[in-house]
Amino acid sequence: MPSFHVAVADSVFPDLDPARAVLRGIDATLALAPEPTPEAIVRVAADADALLVTYARITSDMIARMTRCRIISRFGIGVDNVDIPAATRAGIVVTKVPDYCMDEVSDHAMALLLGLARKIALANAQVHAGRWEMPAVVPIHRLRGSVLGLAGFGRIPQLVAPKAKAFGMRVVAFDPYVSADVFARAGVERVDFADLLSVSDYISIHTPLVRETHGLFDAEAFRRMKPTAYIINTARGAIVDERALAEALDAGRLAGAALDVMPKEPPVSSPLFGRANVIITPHTSFYSEESLVELQTKAAQEVVAVLTGQPPRNPVNPDVLRTV
């Protein structure tokens, strides 16, 4: 008989072979919910020792019905789709994988920045429409000497900074939770949020989605930015007030935006659709073939650690470990 049963709430992967390879070491079975609905997830997770989850919402009601679960391991960096207090009350440790896809997301943020700066998407669309002419994309300004502001200065923006510097940009960052030593080692100027808004020509968002950052970039924030500035978001969609951004663009208070994340995904409609100065990619910044293998492997390794009595690498609610 298998030693452990591991449920998978939902998956965006072509297969779960990397996770299976890790779990094979503890003779665990793996069962994927046939659809990412609460009922289907609970059916496979009710008697599971662990739950792996990507985007499905794991609510307190679902957690209450997962009577054997010892760990909820997220295939991803954020855990805003899991009810952490409910998991903590149930004695379930929640883990994440904060150290995967760092190259991919930092590269994607820079690609979006360069696309905005050089108006690549607009120029491409114009040429395909039969317009081979420079006036269609003017003005374009030199990147060297411009200021990139990083909202958040964790692992990923710390990789964005040297990439931006290679293009001759000055880099500043706002993050009240990162020490001055980290800023100094990176050669990045630490600023408060007000200064980030006022001095930046480009702002790239890299904060987690928590109560303090929900709607952080709202109408007031856009009013304090340069009218020639651009905003880039590869973090979480709800950090940006979508309607306020559209209104700022309509009023000419902002030059453009590039978004890999939206408040609702997939978006049914958005006031940002159809704009020549807005680039939207479908939440692909995390993706490479290599990052998917890394993600599955590291998330499954957390399951193995907890089920074999070892501490996980990245617990979100570490106090639970005293009772696991």
Protein backbone atom coordinates (compact mmCIF):
# COMPACT_ATOMS: atom_id res chain seq x y z
CA MET A 1 0.00 0.00 0.00
CA PRO A 2 1.23 3.54 -0.73
CA SER A 3 2.59 5.40 2.28
CA PHE A 4 0.93 8.74 1.50
CA HIS A 5 -1.83 10.22 -0.64
CA VAL A 6 -1.20 13.66 -2.21
CA ALA A 7 -4.01 15.60 -3.89
CA VAL A 8 -3.56 18.24 -6.59
CA ALA A 9 -6.23 20.96 -6.66
CA ASP A 10 -5.46 22.28 -10.14
CA SER A 11 -2.66 22.29 -12.66
CA VAL A 12 -1.41 24.44 -15.53
CA PHE A 13 1.38 22.01 -16.34
CA PRO A 14 1.52 19.73 -19.39
CA ASP A 15 2.04 16.87 -16.93
CA LEU A 16 2.91 16.31 -13.28
CA ASP A 17 5.92 14.06 -13.91
CA PRO A 18 8.46 16.23 -12.01
CA ALA A 19 6.26 16.21 -8.89
CA ARG A 20 5.62 12.49 -9.25
CA ALA A 21 9.36 11.83 -9.48
CA VAL A 22 9.93 13.59 -6.16
CA LEU A 23 6.95 11.97 -4.41
CA ARG A 24 7.98 8.53 -5.61
CA GLY A 25 10.73 8.69 -3.02
CA ILE A 26 8.14 8.36 -0.23
CA ASP A 27 5.85 5.99 -2.14
CA ALA A 28 3.10 8.60 -2.45
CA THR A 29 0.16 8.50 -4.84
CA LEU A 30 -0.86 11.65 -6.70
CA ALA A 31 -4.47 12.47 -7.63
CA LEU A 32 -5.50 15.53 -9.65
CA ALA A 33 -8.99 16.97 -9.18
CA PRO A 34 -10.93 16.56 -12.46
CA GLU A 35 -11.88 20.25 -12.33
CA PRO A 36 -10.82 23.14 -10.07
CA THR A 37 -14.15 23.46 -8.24
CA PRO A 38 -14.43 23.24 -4.44
CA GLU A 39 -16.47 20.03 -4.65
CA ALA A 40 -14.06 18.28 -7.01
CA ILE A 41 -11.01 19.37 -5.03
CA VAL A 42 -12.47 18.21 -1.72
CA ARG A 43 -13.34 14.83 -3.23
CA VAL A 44 -9.67 14.12 -3.95
CA ALA A 45 -8.31 15.97 -0.89
CA ALA A 46 -10.67 14.85 1.90
CA ASP A 47 -8.42 11.97 2.93
CA ALA A 48 -5.16 13.31 1.46
CA ASP A 49 -2.03 13.81 3.53
CA ALA A 50 -1.06 16.84 1.45
CA LEU A 51 -2.49 19.22 -1.12
CA LEU A 52 -0.64 20.82 -4.03
CA VAL A 53 -2.36 23.88 -5.47
CA THR A 54 -1.75 26.36 -8.28
CA TYR A 55 -4.53 28.96 -8.72
CA ALA A 56 -7.58 27.28 -7.17
CA ARG A 57 -9.00 29.05 -4.12
CA ILE A 58 -8.68 26.96 -0.98
CA THR A 59 -11.29 28.24 1.48
CA SER A 60 -11.88 27.64 5.18
CA ASP A 61 -14.84 25.37 4.36
CA MET A 62 -12.66 23.22 2.12
CA ILE A 63 -9.87 23.09 4.69
CA ALA A 64 -12.32 21.95 7.38
CA ARG A 65 -13.16 18.91 5.23
CA MET A 66 -9.51 17.96 4.64
CA THR A 67 -9.21 15.92 7.82
CA ARG A 68 -5.81 14.28 7.18
CA CYS A 69 -4.00 17.13 5.45
CA ARG A 70 -0.68 18.20 6.98
CA ILE A 71 0.59 20.56 4.28
CA ILE A 72 -0.80 22.78 1.52
CA SER A 73 2.07 23.43 -0.89
CA ARG A 74 1.55 26.12 -3.51
CA PHE A 75 2.94 25.82 -7.02
CA GLY A 76 3.92 29.49 -6.96
CA ILE A 77 5.29 32.48 -5.09
CA GLY A 78 2.17 34.07 -3.57
CA VAL A 79 -0.37 32.36 -1.35
CA ASP A 80 -3.27 34.80 -1.56
CA ASN A 81 -5.53 32.00 -2.87
CA VAL A 82 -5.19 29.99 0.35
CA ASP A 83 -7.00 30.84 3.60
CA ILE A 84 -3.90 30.96 5.79
CA PRO A 85 -5.69 31.57 9.13
CA ALA A 86 -7.99 28.61 8.47
CA ALA A 87 -5.04 26.38 7.61
CA THR A 88 -3.23 27.53 10.75
CA ARG A 89 -6.25 26.75 12.93
CA ALA A 90 -6.40 23.29 11.34
CA GLY A 91 -2.72 22.68 12.06
CA ILE A 92 -1.81 22.63 8.36
CA VAL A 93 1.45 24.22 7.29
CA VAL A 94 1.27 26.26 4.08
CA THR A 95 4.33 26.58 1.88
CA LYS A 96 5.29 28.45 -1.26
CA VAL A 97 8.15 28.52 -3.78
CA PRO A 98 9.57 32.05 -3.70
CA ASP A 99 12.83 31.18 -5.42
CA TYR A 100 11.72 29.88 -8.82
CA CYS A 101 11.24 31.79 -12.11
CA MET A 102 13.31 34.71 -10.84
CA ASP A 103 15.21 34.98 -14.12
CA GLU A 104 12.01 34.62 -16.13
CA VAL A 105 10.03 37.33 -14.31
CA SER A 106 12.93 39.78 -14.16
CA ASP A 107 13.56 39.22 -17.89
CA HIS A 108 9.85 39.68 -18.64
CA ALA A 109 9.71 42.92 -16.65
CA MET A 110 12.65 44.26 -18.64
CA ALA A 111 11.10 43.05 -21.90
CA LEU A 112 7.91 44.94 -21.09
CA LEU A 113 9.90 48.03 -20.14
CA LEU A 114 11.85 47.91 -23.41
CA GLY A 115 8.66 47.27 -25.36
CA LEU A 116 7.13 50.40 -23.86
CA ALA A 117 10.26 52.51 -24.27
CA ARG A 118 10.78 51.58 -27.93
CA LYS A 119 7.02 51.21 -28.69
CA ILE A 120 7.64 47.76 -30.13
CA ALA A 121 4.05 46.50 -29.98
CA LEU A 122 2.66 49.68 -31.52
CA ALA A 123 5.27 49.76 -34.29
CA ASN A 124 4.68 46.08 -35.09
CA ALA A 125 0.91 46.61 -35.31
CA GLN A 126 1.39 49.65 -37.57
CA VAL A 127 3.66 47.78 -39.97
CA HIS A 128 1.29 44.81 -40.16
CA ALA A 129 -1.48 47.31 -40.95
CA GLY A 130 0.57 48.63 -43.89
CA ARG A 131 2.06 51.74 -42.24
CA TRP A 132 5.84 51.89 -42.64
CA GLU A 133 6.45 55.29 -41.14
CA MET A 134 8.26 56.76 -38.16
CA PRO A 135 5.71 59.49 -37.31
CA ALA A 136 3.26 56.79 -36.23
CA VAL A 137 5.41 55.97 -33.18
CA VAL A 138 6.95 59.28 -32.14
CA PRO A 139 8.03 60.44 -29.66
CA ILE A 140 10.53 57.86 -28.38
CA HIS A 141 13.02 58.88 -25.70
CA ARG A 142 16.48 57.55 -24.89
CA LEU A 143 16.55 54.93 -22.14
CA ARG A 144 20.00 55.81 -20.81
CA GLY A 145 19.73 58.31 -17.98
CA SER A 146 16.07 57.57 -17.23
CA VAL A 147 14.92 56.39 -13.80
CA LEU A 148 13.49 52.96 -13.04
CA GLY A 149 11.56 52.77 -9.79
CA LEU A 150 11.04 49.35 -8.26
CA ALA A 151 8.01 48.90 -6.02
CA GLY A 152 9.35 46.13 -3.82
CA PHE A 153 12.94 44.99 -3.59
CA GLY A 154 12.84 41.26 -3.02
CA ARG A 155 14.56 38.53 -5.01
CA ILE A 156 13.10 39.35 -8.43
CA PRO A 157 13.57 43.14 -8.44
CA GLN A 158 17.09 42.60 -7.15
CA LEU A 159 17.68 40.80 -10.47
CA VAL A 160 15.88 43.51 -12.45
CA ALA A 161 18.19 46.21 -11.08
CA PRO A 162 21.46 45.12 -12.73
CA LYS A 163 19.65 44.42 -16.01
CA ALA A 164 18.28 47.96 -16.01
CA LYS A 165 21.67 49.38 -15.07
CA ALA A 166 23.17 47.64 -18.09
CA PHE A 167 20.96 49.94 -20.20
CA GLY A 168 22.28 52.99 -18.36
CA MET A 169 19.23 53.49 -16.16
CA ARG A 170 19.32 54.90 -12.65
CA VAL A 171 17.51 52.50 -10.31
CA VAL A 172 15.63 53.46 -7.14
CA ALA A 173 13.40 51.24 -5.02
CA PHE A 174 10.76 51.38 -2.32
CA ASP A 175 10.55 48.54 0.19
CA PRO A 176 10.15 49.24 3.92
CA TYR A 177 10.87 45.59 4.77
CA VAL A 178 14.30 45.27 3.13
CA SER A 179 17.40 46.37 5.03
CA ALA A 180 19.63 49.27 4.04
CA ASP A 181 22.50 46.80 3.60
CA VAL A 182 20.63 45.01 0.80
CA PHE A 183 20.10 48.32 -1.02
CA ALA A 184 23.75 49.28 -0.52
CA ARG A 185 25.07 45.96 -1.83
CA ALA A 186 22.85 46.29 -4.90
CA GLY A 187 23.86 49.90 -5.51
CA VAL A 188 20.20 50.93 -5.54
CA GLU A 189 18.90 54.11 -3.93
CA ARG A 190 16.26 53.58 -1.26
CA VAL A 191 13.30 55.99 -1.53
CA ASP A 192 9.91 56.35 0.09
CA PHE A 193 6.73 55.69 -1.88
CA ALA A 194 6.08 59.36 -2.61
CA ASP A 195 9.54 59.81 -4.08
CA LEU A 196 9.24 56.59 -6.07
CA LEU A 197 6.16 58.03 -7.75
CA SER A 198 7.60 61.47 -8.41
CA VAL A 199 11.10 60.62 -9.70
CA SER A 200 10.50 57.48 -11.77
CA ASP A 201 10.20 57.40 -15.55
CA TYR A 202 9.24 53.71 -15.30
CA ILE A 203 7.80 51.92 -12.28
CA SER A 204 7.98 48.14 -12.13
CA ILE A 205 5.80 46.49 -9.48
CA HIS A 206 7.18 43.55 -7.48
CA THR A 207 5.27 43.58 -4.20
CA PRO A 208 3.15 40.76 -2.79
CA LEU A 209 -0.60 41.20 -2.73
CA VAL A 210 -1.49 41.94 0.89
CA ARG A 211 -3.94 44.34 2.53
CA GLU A 212 -1.43 47.18 2.38
CA THR A 213 -0.71 46.76 -1.32
CA HIS A 214 -4.23 46.07 -2.61
CA GLY A 215 -4.98 49.02 -4.89
CA LEU A 216 -1.65 50.64 -3.96
CA PHE A 217 -1.46 52.17 -7.42
CA ASP A 218 -4.69 54.13 -7.41
CA ALA A 219 -5.86 57.46 -8.80
CA GLU A 220 -3.84 59.42 -6.24
CA ALA A 221 -0.67 57.47 -7.06
CA PHE A 222 -1.13 58.11 -10.78
CA ARG A 223 -1.65 61.82 -10.13
CA ARG A 224 1.75 61.93 -8.41
CA MET A 225 3.60 60.24 -11.27
CA LYS A 226 5.15 62.02 -14.22
CA PRO A 227 2.75 62.32 -17.18
CA THR A 228 5.56 60.84 -19.28
CA ALA A 229 5.97 57.81 -16.98
CA TYR A 230 5.07 54.18 -17.61
CA ILE A 231 3.95 51.49 -15.18
CA ILE A 232 4.82 47.79 -15.43
CA ASN A 233 3.20 45.02 -13.37
CA THR A 234 4.43 41.43 -13.19
CA ALA A 235 3.30 40.90 -9.57
CA ARG A 236 -0.45 40.72 -8.88
CA GLY A 237 -3.23 42.42 -10.82
CA ALA A 238 -5.11 43.83 -7.83
CA ILE A 239 -2.13 45.96 -6.79
CA VAL A 240 -3.18 48.31 -9.61
CA ASP A 241 -6.59 49.94 -9.67
CA GLU A 242 -7.55 49.04 -13.24
CA ARG A 243 -10.20 51.74 -13.68
CA ALA A 244 -7.98 54.44 -12.15
CA LEU A 245 -5.20 53.43 -14.54
CA ALA A 246 -7.56 53.69 -17.52
CA GLU A 247 -8.72 57.12 -16.38
CA ALA A 248 -5.12 58.31 -15.92
CA LEU A 249 -4.29 57.17 -19.45
CA ASP A 250 -7.41 58.88 -20.82
CA ALA A 251 -6.46 62.11 -19.07
CA GLY A 252 -2.85 62.01 -20.28
CA ARG A 253 -1.54 61.72 -16.73
CA LEU A 254 0.45 58.62 -17.68
CA ALA A 255 2.22 57.64 -20.89
CA GLY A 256 1.44 53.93 -20.89
CA ALA A 257 1.41 50.61 -19.10
CA ALA A 258 2.57 47.03 -19.55
CA LEU A 259 0.79 44.34 -17.54
CA ASP A 260 1.36 40.62 -17.22
CA VAL A 261 -1.30 40.32 -14.51
CA MET A 262 -4.88 41.53 -14.24
CA PRO A 263 -7.31 41.90 -11.31
CA LYS A 264 -9.43 39.12 -12.79
CA GLU A 265 -7.82 36.39 -14.87
CA PRO A 266 -8.71 35.73 -17.55
CA PRO A 267 -10.25 39.19 -17.96
CA VAL A 268 -13.69 39.14 -19.55
CA SER A 269 -13.42 42.79 -20.45
CA SER A 270 -11.20 45.63 -19.35
CA PRO A 271 -11.08 49.40 -19.84
CA LEU A 272 -7.42 48.83 -20.75
CA PHE A 273 -8.15 46.72 -23.83
CA GLY A 274 -7.53 48.12 -27.30
CA ARG A 275 -5.09 50.85 -26.30
CA ALA A 276 -1.99 51.54 -28.37
CA ASN A 277 -0.03 52.51 -25.25
CA VAL A 278 -0.90 49.41 -23.21
CA ILE A 279 0.82 46.03 -23.52
CA ILE A 280 -0.92 43.04 -21.89
CA THR A 281 0.55 39.54 -21.72
CA PRO A 282 -1.48 36.61 -20.31
CA HIS A 283 0.35 36.03 -17.00
CA THR A 284 3.30 34.38 -18.72
CA SER A 285 6.21 36.09 -16.98
CA PHE A 286 6.85 33.05 -14.78
CA TYR A 287 7.04 30.68 -17.70
CA SER A 288 9.89 28.76 -19.21
CA GLU A 289 10.16 25.02 -19.69
CA GLU A 290 12.89 25.01 -17.07
CA SER A 291 10.95 27.07 -14.52
CA LEU A 292 7.97 24.69 -14.64
CA VAL A 293 10.17 21.73 -13.76
CA GLU A 294 11.84 23.75 -11.00
CA LEU A 295 8.46 24.82 -9.58
CA GLN A 296 6.98 21.33 -9.46
CA THR A 297 10.15 19.88 -8.00
CA LYS A 298 10.47 22.43 -5.20
CA ALA A 299 6.76 22.34 -4.27
CA ALA A 300 6.82 18.54 -4.09
CA GLN A 301 10.01 18.61 -2.03
CA GLU A 302 8.16 20.68 0.58
CA VAL A 303 5.50 17.94 0.76
CA VAL A 304 8.13 15.27 1.21
CA ALA A 305 9.84 17.26 3.95
CA VAL A 306 6.68 17.75 6.02
CA LEU A 307 5.36 14.21 5.56
CA THR A 308 8.70 12.75 6.65
CA GLY A 309 9.00 14.98 9.70
CA GLN A 310 11.50 17.48 8.27
CA PRO A 311 11.11 21.27 8.26
CA PRO A 312 10.00 22.80 4.95
CA ARG A 313 12.17 25.46 3.32
CA ASN A 314 9.50 28.13 2.88
CA PRO A 315 6.65 27.89 5.40
CA VAL A 316 4.14 30.75 5.37
CA ASN A 317 2.79 29.94 8.86
CA PRO A 318 5.83 28.46 10.62
CA ASP A 319 4.18 28.40 14.06
CA VAL A 320 2.14 25.42 12.86
CA LEU A 321 5.32 23.36 12.62
CA ARG A 322 5.32 22.94 16.39
CA THR A 323 2.20 20.80 16.10
CA VAL A 324 2.81 19.11 12.72
